[in-house]
């Protein structure tokens, strides 16, 4: 059984406070599966707005100490009687939509007759609304109402209901005897009920369905928590030693097979090689802006370049021999494109310094130097992560 606790009140109270509940004016407790109203009258005396819709509350109780309560929402519950609100002196709005209030419970509205500020009442979707004369009967019981089920109560309706009050009482007794008396009461008997049988919709059936749904959801959460750990594939994978993948060892002449293991469009990393400059080669690799720079490793040889991007290899031959010691790497923070500047052999570091301003990752220097995040040296003797670029990417 789900009950109202102090921890729940502290979580749902407005305004929230750690010292106590004396300043709480509004509490939203909807959709929590609450089965009983408790604790509110003792802890939240200054409560003005109470939201309890979409629970499984069977009766209205323990609200008599809320003297300043103005609005209570009890829609979509299991309420069958109109009770427990007559001592809420400041009550203005009551919402009892989609409950199980029968026509035989309508005389209980007399308890709300002495609430001078009550103006709005909603009984939409209750069994009592099947009685054709339910609206004038309610108006005769609560003449102070200005809106019933969201429809304004006119003076003509109020006068007509007052004139026919006795006739409405007799009509209600006849309706209860002929219609609701024949319907009877559905008793909960799970042992004798087959799974394929359909029971009439009732508070008992709704509570049973709610508890079954909660039980199924709990089982689903447990299966999800244990399925990944119990998976044979995951167990076998976790049992194997996980060795981090590194770049293949290259020979000095750069003889290596070209390979593209990326997951981009077309089955690999998108890249482009710009050899229009006689001094440098520019290699652009479209990695994606959300990949961490620490997941990128590079290695440059005179006639080959290799990148290990998140464990996937991109290996390329170079059209000309380059100077590995003068190579630079930069990555755009805006687009995530990685740009490798590879000076051709014979031009040395002078040519590389002229090309250090590649900005946007498109192979053009358009003055967008703010997009360049940094550069890192790459040598043939060691594998270096492109860490100088940083992880300054836009958030997901």
Protein backbone atom coordinates (compact mmCIF):
# COMPACT_ATOMS: atom_id res chain seq x y z
CA UNK A 1 0.00 0.00 0.00
CA UNK A 2 1.36 3.40 -1.03
CA UNK A 3 0.95 5.97 1.76
CA UNK A 4 1.86 9.62 2.10
CA UNK A 5 5.12 10.04 4.03
CA UNK A 6 7.07 13.06 5.24
CA UNK A 7 9.79 12.36 2.70
CA UNK A 8 7.20 12.38 -0.08
CA UNK A 9 5.69 15.61 1.22
CA UNK A 10 9.10 17.25 1.37
CA UNK A 11 9.78 16.19 -2.22
CA UNK A 12 6.43 17.35 -3.63
CA UNK A 13 5.67 20.41 -1.50
CA UNK A 14 5.64 23.96 -2.88
CA UNK A 15 7.44 25.96 -1.72
CA UNK A 16 9.99 23.36 -0.68
CA UNK A 17 11.52 23.69 2.77
CA UNK A 18 13.75 21.65 5.04
CA UNK A 19 12.66 23.09 8.37
CA UNK A 20 9.00 22.06 8.29
CA UNK A 21 5.70 22.24 6.44
CA UNK A 22 4.17 25.32 8.03
CA UNK A 23 4.77 27.40 4.89
CA UNK A 24 3.59 24.79 2.38
CA UNK A 25 0.78 26.11 0.19
CA UNK A 26 0.56 23.49 -2.56
CA UNK A 27 1.30 19.77 -2.84
CA UNK A 28 1.20 17.70 -6.05
CA UNK A 29 0.72 14.01 -5.22
CA UNK A 30 -0.82 12.86 -8.50
CA UNK A 31 -0.04 9.58 -10.25
CA UNK A 32 1.78 7.93 -7.33
CA UNK A 33 -0.59 5.03 -6.65
CA UNK A 34 -1.63 6.42 -3.24
CA UNK A 35 -4.27 4.25 -1.57
CA UNK A 36 -5.10 6.38 1.45
CA UNK A 37 -5.06 10.04 2.50
CA UNK A 38 -3.02 10.52 5.66
CA UNK A 39 -0.63 12.91 7.38
CA UNK A 40 -1.77 16.02 5.47
CA UNK A 41 -4.05 17.33 8.20
CA UNK A 42 -1.29 17.10 10.81
CA UNK A 43 1.70 18.40 8.85
CA UNK A 44 0.31 20.91 6.32
CA UNK A 45 -2.25 23.04 8.14
CA UNK A 46 -1.77 26.00 5.75
CA UNK A 47 -2.31 23.98 2.59
CA UNK A 48 -4.36 25.76 -0.09
CA UNK A 49 -4.02 23.52 -3.17
CA UNK A 50 -4.04 19.71 -3.00
CA UNK A 51 -3.51 17.61 -6.15
CA UNK A 52 -4.39 13.93 -5.63
CA UNK A 53 -5.65 12.93 -9.07
CA UNK A 54 -4.84 9.62 -10.75
CA UNK A 55 -4.38 7.52 -7.62
CA UNK A 56 -6.44 4.67 -6.13
CA UNK A 57 -7.90 6.49 -3.13
CA UNK A 58 -11.18 4.82 -2.02
CA UNK A 59 -12.52 7.54 0.29
CA UNK A 60 -12.03 11.18 1.29
CA UNK A 61 -10.67 11.34 4.82
CA UNK A 62 -8.29 13.15 7.19
CA UNK A 63 -8.75 16.57 5.55
CA UNK A 64 -10.89 18.19 8.24
CA UNK A 65 -7.96 20.15 9.73
CA UNK A 66 -7.22 21.96 6.45
CA UNK A 67 -9.20 25.10 7.23
CA UNK A 68 -7.68 27.22 4.46
CA UNK A 69 -7.83 24.59 1.71
CA UNK A 70 -9.27 26.19 -1.45
CA UNK A 71 -8.86 23.57 -4.19
CA UNK A 72 -8.76 19.80 -4.02
CA UNK A 73 -8.38 17.60 -7.10
CA UNK A 74 -9.46 13.99 -6.54
CA UNK A 75 -10.14 13.06 -10.17
CA UNK A 76 -9.48 9.51 -11.40
CA UNK A 77 -9.64 7.71 -8.08
CA UNK A 78 -11.84 5.03 -6.49
CA UNK A 79 -14.11 7.34 -4.50
CA UNK A 80 -17.71 6.18 -4.03
CA UNK A 81 -19.00 8.66 -1.41
CA UNK A 82 -18.98 12.44 -1.10
CA UNK A 83 -17.70 12.94 2.42
CA UNK A 84 -14.88 14.36 4.50
CA UNK A 85 -14.91 17.87 3.03
CA UNK A 86 -17.61 19.65 5.04
CA UNK A 87 -15.09 21.06 7.57
CA UNK A 88 -12.80 22.58 4.94
CA UNK A 89 -14.29 26.02 5.47
CA UNK A 90 -12.44 27.85 2.67
CA UNK A 91 -13.05 25.29 -0.06
CA UNK A 92 -13.81 26.83 -3.47
CA UNK A 93 -13.21 24.08 -6.05
CA UNK A 94 -13.71 20.30 -5.86
CA UNK A 95 -12.85 18.00 -8.75
CA UNK A 96 -14.27 14.46 -8.53
CA UNK A 97 -14.07 13.62 -12.24
CA UNK A 98 -13.95 9.94 -13.25
CA UNK A 99 -14.62 8.32 -9.91
CA UNK A 100 -17.27 5.74 -8.93
CA UNK A 101 -19.85 7.96 -7.23
CA UNK A 102 -23.33 6.44 -7.80
CA UNK A 103 -26.61 8.32 -7.80
CA UNK A 104 -27.37 6.90 -4.36
CA UNK A 105 -24.44 8.95 -2.99
CA UNK A 106 -25.75 12.31 -4.24
CA UNK A 107 -27.62 13.09 -0.99
CA UNK A 108 -24.17 13.36 0.58
CA UNK A 109 -23.81 16.71 -1.21
CA UNK A 110 -25.86 18.21 1.60
CA UNK A 111 -22.68 18.17 3.70
CA UNK A 112 -21.16 20.78 1.36
CA UNK A 113 -24.15 23.11 1.51
CA UNK A 114 -22.63 25.08 4.39
CA UNK A 115 -19.41 25.92 2.52
CA UNK A 116 -20.07 29.53 1.50
CA UNK A 117 -17.11 29.82 -0.89
CA UNK A 118 -17.74 26.63 -2.89
CA UNK A 119 -18.20 27.68 -6.52
CA UNK A 120 -16.92 24.88 -8.77
CA UNK A 121 -17.79 21.18 -8.65
CA UNK A 122 -16.98 18.49 -11.21
CA UNK A 123 -18.70 15.08 -11.27
CA UNK A 124 -18.05 14.29 -14.92
CA UNK A 125 -17.63 10.59 -15.71
CA UNK A 126 -19.23 9.27 -12.51
CA UNK A 127 -22.09 6.71 -12.56
CA UNK A 128 -24.39 9.32 -10.98
CA UNK A 129 -24.39 11.31 -14.23
CA UNK A 130 -26.35 8.52 -15.93
CA UNK A 131 -29.43 9.71 -14.07
CA UNK A 132 -31.10 12.24 -16.39
CA UNK A 133 -31.96 14.69 -13.57
CA UNK A 134 -28.64 14.64 -11.80
CA UNK A 135 -27.69 18.21 -12.70
CA UNK A 136 -30.81 19.96 -11.30
CA UNK A 137 -30.60 17.74 -8.23
CA UNK A 138 -26.99 18.82 -7.53
CA UNK A 139 -27.93 22.47 -8.06
CA UNK A 140 -30.82 22.12 -5.62
CA UNK A 141 -28.44 20.71 -3.01
CA UNK A 142 -25.67 23.29 -3.63
CA UNK A 143 -27.30 26.57 -4.71
CA UNK A 144 -24.03 28.46 -4.14
CA UNK A 145 -22.39 26.77 -7.16
CA UNK A 146 -21.54 28.94 -10.15
CA UNK A 147 -20.10 26.16 -12.35
CA UNK A 148 -20.99 22.47 -12.51
CA UNK A 149 -18.78 20.26 -14.70
CA UNK A 150 -17.32 23.41 -16.19
CA UNK A 151 -20.72 24.72 -17.31
CA UNK A 152 -22.05 27.90 -15.76
CA UNK A 153 -25.10 27.54 -13.52
CA UNK A 154 -27.74 30.05 -14.56
CA UNK A 155 -30.35 31.71 -12.38
CA UNK A 156 -33.10 29.88 -14.25
CA UNK A 157 -31.50 26.55 -13.44
CA UNK A 158 -31.13 27.50 -9.81
CA UNK A 159 -34.76 28.64 -9.50
CA UNK A 160 -36.09 25.58 -11.32
CA UNK A 161 -34.08 23.21 -9.15
CA UNK A 162 -35.36 24.89 -5.98
CA UNK A 163 -38.98 24.57 -7.13
CA UNK A 164 -38.70 20.87 -8.02
CA UNK A 165 -36.50 19.76 -5.12
CA UNK A 166 -39.08 17.41 -3.62
CA UNK A 167 -39.88 15.84 -7.00
CA UNK A 168 -36.18 15.32 -7.62
CA UNK A 169 -35.84 13.52 -4.30
CA UNK A 170 -38.62 11.10 -5.25
CA UNK A 171 -37.20 10.61 -8.75
CA UNK A 172 -33.79 9.82 -7.27
CA UNK A 173 -35.22 7.18 -4.91
CA UNK A 174 -37.04 5.54 -7.82
CA UNK A 175 -33.89 5.56 -9.99
CA UNK A 176 -31.79 4.01 -7.24
CA UNK A 177 -34.37 1.31 -6.64
CA UNK A 178 -34.93 0.40 -10.29
CA UNK A 179 -31.48 0.85 -11.81
CA UNK A 180 -28.75 0.73 -9.19
CA UNK A 181 -30.61 -1.81 -7.05
CA UNK A 182 -30.73 -4.27 -9.93
CA UNK A 183 -27.06 -3.78 -10.75
CA UNK A 184 -25.99 -5.00 -7.30
CA UNK A 185 -22.46 -4.93 -5.99
CA UNK A 186 -19.46 -6.65 -7.56
CA UNK A 187 -17.54 -8.70 -4.99
CA UNK A 188 -13.82 -9.41 -5.33
CA UNK A 189 -13.32 -13.16 -5.81
CA UNK A 190 -10.02 -13.78 -7.57
CA UNK A 191 -10.03 -17.51 -6.90
CA UNK A 192 -13.29 -18.21 -8.72
CA UNK A 193 -12.70 -15.76 -11.57
CA UNK A 194 -11.08 -17.08 -14.74
CA UNK A 195 -8.48 -15.00 -16.51
CA UNK A 196 -10.61 -14.65 -19.63
CA UNK A 197 -13.70 -13.43 -17.72
CA UNK A 198 -14.46 -9.70 -17.88
CA UNK A 199 -15.61 -8.11 -14.62
CA UNK A 200 -17.65 -4.89 -14.54
CA UNK A 201 -15.53 -1.78 -14.04
CA UNK A 202 -15.52 -1.05 -10.31
CA UNK A 203 -13.18 0.31 -7.62
CA UNK A 204 -12.18 -3.24 -6.71
CA UNK A 205 -11.35 -4.10 -10.32
CA UNK A 206 -9.38 -0.88 -10.80
CA UNK A 207 -7.37 -1.53 -7.63
CA UNK A 208 -6.70 -5.10 -8.76
CA UNK A 209 -5.54 -3.92 -12.17
CA UNK A 210 -3.30 -1.29 -10.59
CA UNK A 211 -1.60 -3.80 -8.31
CA UNK A 212 -1.11 -6.27 -11.14
CA UNK A 213 0.42 -3.54 -13.28
CA UNK A 214 2.75 -2.51 -10.47
CA UNK A 215 3.80 -6.13 -10.01
CA UNK A 216 4.53 -6.52 -13.72
CA UNK A 217 6.54 -3.30 -13.79
CA UNK A 218 8.58 -4.43 -10.80
CA UNK A 219 9.32 -7.75 -12.48
CA UNK A 220 10.31 -5.92 -15.67
CA UNK A 221 12.73 -3.68 -13.76
CA UNK A 222 14.29 -6.72 -12.10
CA UNK A 223 14.70 -8.52 -15.43
CA UNK A 224 16.31 -5.49 -17.00
CA UNK A 225 18.69 -5.17 -14.07
CA UNK A 226 19.80 -8.79 -14.31
CA UNK A 227 19.55 -9.50 -18.05
CA UNK A 228 22.72 -7.67 -19.02
CA UNK A 229 24.75 -9.35 -16.28
CA UNK A 230 23.28 -12.78 -17.04
CA UNK A 231 23.77 -12.57 -20.80
CA UNK A 232 26.10 -15.40 -21.99
CA UNK A 233 27.62 -13.08 -24.58
CA UNK A 234 28.39 -10.43 -21.96
CA UNK A 235 29.76 -13.01 -19.53
CA UNK A 236 32.03 -14.46 -22.21
CA UNK A 237 33.10 -10.99 -23.29
CA UNK A 238 33.86 -9.91 -19.73
CA UNK A 239 35.80 -13.09 -19.08
CA UNK A 240 38.21 -12.39 -21.93
CA UNK A 241 41.12 -10.03 -21.23
CA UNK A 242 40.34 -6.61 -22.69
CA UNK A 243 43.49 -5.26 -24.30
CA UNK A 244 43.36 -1.75 -25.72
CA UNK A 245 43.92 -1.63 -29.45
CA UNK A 246 47.00 0.21 -30.66
CA UNK A 247 48.24 1.36 -34.03
CA UNK A 248 49.97 -1.29 -36.17
CA UNK A 249 53.73 -1.17 -36.38
CA UNK A 250 54.85 0.31 -39.68
CA UNK A 251 58.07 -0.21 -41.52
CA UNK A 252 60.29 2.76 -42.20
CA UNK A 253 59.35 2.94 -45.89
CA UNK A 254 55.68 3.27 -44.95
CA UNK A 255 54.52 0.09 -46.63
CA UNK A 256 51.06 -0.45 -45.19
CA UNK A 257 47.70 -1.55 -46.47
CA UNK A 258 45.08 1.18 -46.74
CA UNK A 259 42.17 0.64 -44.41
CA UNK A 260 39.07 2.55 -43.26
CA UNK A 261 37.14 1.00 -40.36
CA UNK A 262 35.06 4.08 -39.54
CA UNK A 263 31.32 4.06 -38.95
CA UNK A 264 30.48 7.16 -40.96
CA UNK A 265 28.22 7.44 -44.01
CA UNK A 266 29.27 4.99 -46.73
CA UNK A 267 30.91 2.61 -44.28
CA UNK A 268 33.99 4.60 -43.22
CA UNK A 269 35.38 7.89 -42.00
CA UNK A 270 34.95 10.66 -44.58
CA UNK A 271 38.27 12.25 -45.46
CA UNK A 272 39.83 14.41 -48.15
CA UNK A 273 43.45 15.07 -49.22
CA UNK A 274 44.45 18.51 -50.54
CA UNK A 275 47.75 18.46 -52.44
CA UNK A 276 47.29 21.75 -54.31
CA UNK A 277 49.91 23.47 -52.15
CA UNK A 278 53.45 22.59 -53.37
CA UNK A 279 54.79 22.81 -49.83
CA UNK A 280 52.31 20.89 -47.66
CA UNK A 281 49.64 18.20 -47.82
CA UNK A 282 46.40 18.81 -45.91
CA UNK A 283 44.37 15.83 -44.73
CA UNK A 284 40.85 16.44 -43.40
CA UNK A 285 39.02 13.70 -41.49
CA UNK A 286 35.33 14.17 -40.61
CA UNK A 287 35.19 12.60 -37.18
CA UNK A 288 32.17 14.27 -35.59
CA UNK A 289 32.07 16.95 -32.94
CA UNK A 290 30.85 14.74 -30.09
CA UNK A 291 33.79 12.33 -30.06
CA UNK A 292 36.34 13.05 -27.33
CA UNK A 293 39.75 14.10 -28.59
CA UNK A 294 41.41 11.67 -26.19
CA UNK A 295 39.95 8.85 -28.34
CA UNK A 296 42.17 9.87 -31.30
CA UNK A 297 45.74 8.65 -31.86
CA UNK A 298 47.95 9.53 -34.83
CA UNK A 299 51.15 8.26 -36.39
CA UNK A 300 52.85 9.78 -39.45
CA UNK A 301 55.59 8.19 -41.56
CA UNK A 302 57.25 9.62 -44.67
CA UNK A 303 54.78 7.89 -47.04
CA UNK A 304 51.86 6.93 -44.80
CA UNK A 305 49.57 8.23 -42.05
CA UNK A 306 47.50 6.25 -39.59
CA UNK A 307 44.75 7.34 -37.22
CA UNK A 308 43.15 5.22 -34.50
CA UNK A 309 39.77 6.84 -33.83
CA UNK A 310 37.86 5.30 -30.95
CA UNK A 311 39.54 1.95 -31.64
CA UNK A 312 38.87 2.05 -35.43
CA UNK A 313 41.73 2.33 -37.88
CA UNK A 314 42.14 4.76 -40.77
CA UNK A 315 45.32 3.98 -42.70
CA UNK A 316 46.29 5.95 -45.86
CA UNK A 317 49.17 6.17 -48.33
CA UNK A 318 50.53 9.65 -49.03
CA UNK A 319 51.12 10.82 -52.61
CA UNK A 320 54.45 12.44 -51.66
CA UNK A 321 57.02 11.98 -48.98
CA UNK A 322 56.48 14.21 -45.96
CA UNK A 323 58.51 15.32 -42.98
CA UNK A 324 56.99 13.56 -39.93
CA UNK A 325 58.79 15.72 -37.36
CA UNK A 326 57.12 18.90 -38.70
CA UNK A 327 53.56 17.60 -38.90
CA UNK A 328 50.82 19.31 -36.96
CA UNK A 329 47.27 18.32 -35.99
CA UNK A 330 44.33 20.63 -35.25
CA UNK A 331 40.66 20.02 -34.58
CA UNK A 332 37.67 22.32 -35.01
CA UNK A 333 35.56 22.78 -31.93
CA UNK A 334 32.53 23.71 -34.05
CA UNK A 335 32.54 20.79 -36.50
CA UNK A 336 34.92 18.25 -34.96
CA UNK A 337 36.89 17.97 -38.23
CA UNK A 338 40.51 16.89 -37.71
CA UNK A 339 43.10 18.58 -39.95
CA UNK A 340 46.60 17.14 -40.37
CA UNK A 341 49.15 19.50 -41.88
CA UNK A 342 51.93 17.43 -43.48
CA UNK A 343 54.92 19.43 -44.84
CA UNK A 344 56.47 17.88 -47.90
CA UNK A 345 60.01 16.59 -47.56
CA UNK A 346 62.55 19.32 -48.34
CA UNK A 347 60.41 22.21 -47.10
CA UNK A 348 60.93 21.41 -43.45
CA UNK A 349 59.41 23.34 -40.58
CA UNK A 350 59.20 26.61 -42.54
CA UNK A 351 56.47 25.25 -44.78
CA UNK A 352 54.69 23.75 -41.79
CA UNK A 353 54.70 27.06 -39.94
CA UNK A 354 53.02 28.76 -42.91
CA UNK A 355 50.19 26.24 -42.80
CA UNK A 356 49.62 26.28 -39.03
CA UNK A 357 46.63 28.60 -39.41
CA UNK A 358 44.18 26.11 -40.95
CA UNK A 359 41.02 27.14 -39.13
CA UNK A 360 37.66 25.64 -39.91
CA UNK A 361 38.65 22.11 -40.97
CA UNK A 362 37.58 22.75 -44.59
CA UNK A 363 41.10 23.22 -46.01
CA UNK A 364 40.66 26.99 -46.36
CA UNK A 365 41.90 29.81 -44.18
CA UNK A 366 38.75 31.92 -43.88
CA UNK A 367 39.75 33.96 -40.86
CA UNK A 368 37.92 31.66 -38.47
CA UNK A 369 40.97 31.11 -36.31
CA UNK A 370 38.76 30.93 -33.23
CA UNK A 371 37.64 27.49 -34.37
CA UNK A 372 41.15 26.07 -34.11
CA UNK A 373 41.50 24.33 -30.82
CA UNK A 374 45.16 23.43 -30.81
CA UNK A 375 47.89 21.33 -32.38
CA UNK A 376 50.06 18.35 -31.44
CA UNK A 377 53.32 17.00 -32.82
CA UNK A 378 53.30 13.52 -34.37
CA UNK A 379 56.52 11.56 -34.70
CA UNK A 380 57.22 8.22 -36.41
CA UNK A 381 58.79 6.75 -33.30
CA UNK A 382 55.79 7.05 -31.05
CA UNK A 383 51.97 7.16 -31.15
CA UNK A 384 50.56 10.41 -29.80
CA UNK A 385 46.98 11.20 -28.83
CA UNK A 386 45.68 14.44 -30.23
CA UNK A 387 45.17 15.82 -26.75
CA UNK A 388 46.15 19.41 -27.44
CA UNK A 389 42.79 19.96 -29.13
CA UNK A 390 40.95 19.63 -25.82
CA UNK A 391 37.43 18.42 -25.21
CA UNK A 392 35.68 21.72 -25.74
CA UNK A 393 32.75 20.35 -27.73
CA UNK A 394 29.17 21.65 -27.62
CA UNK A 395 27.01 19.64 -25.20
CA UNK A 396 24.81 16.83 -26.51
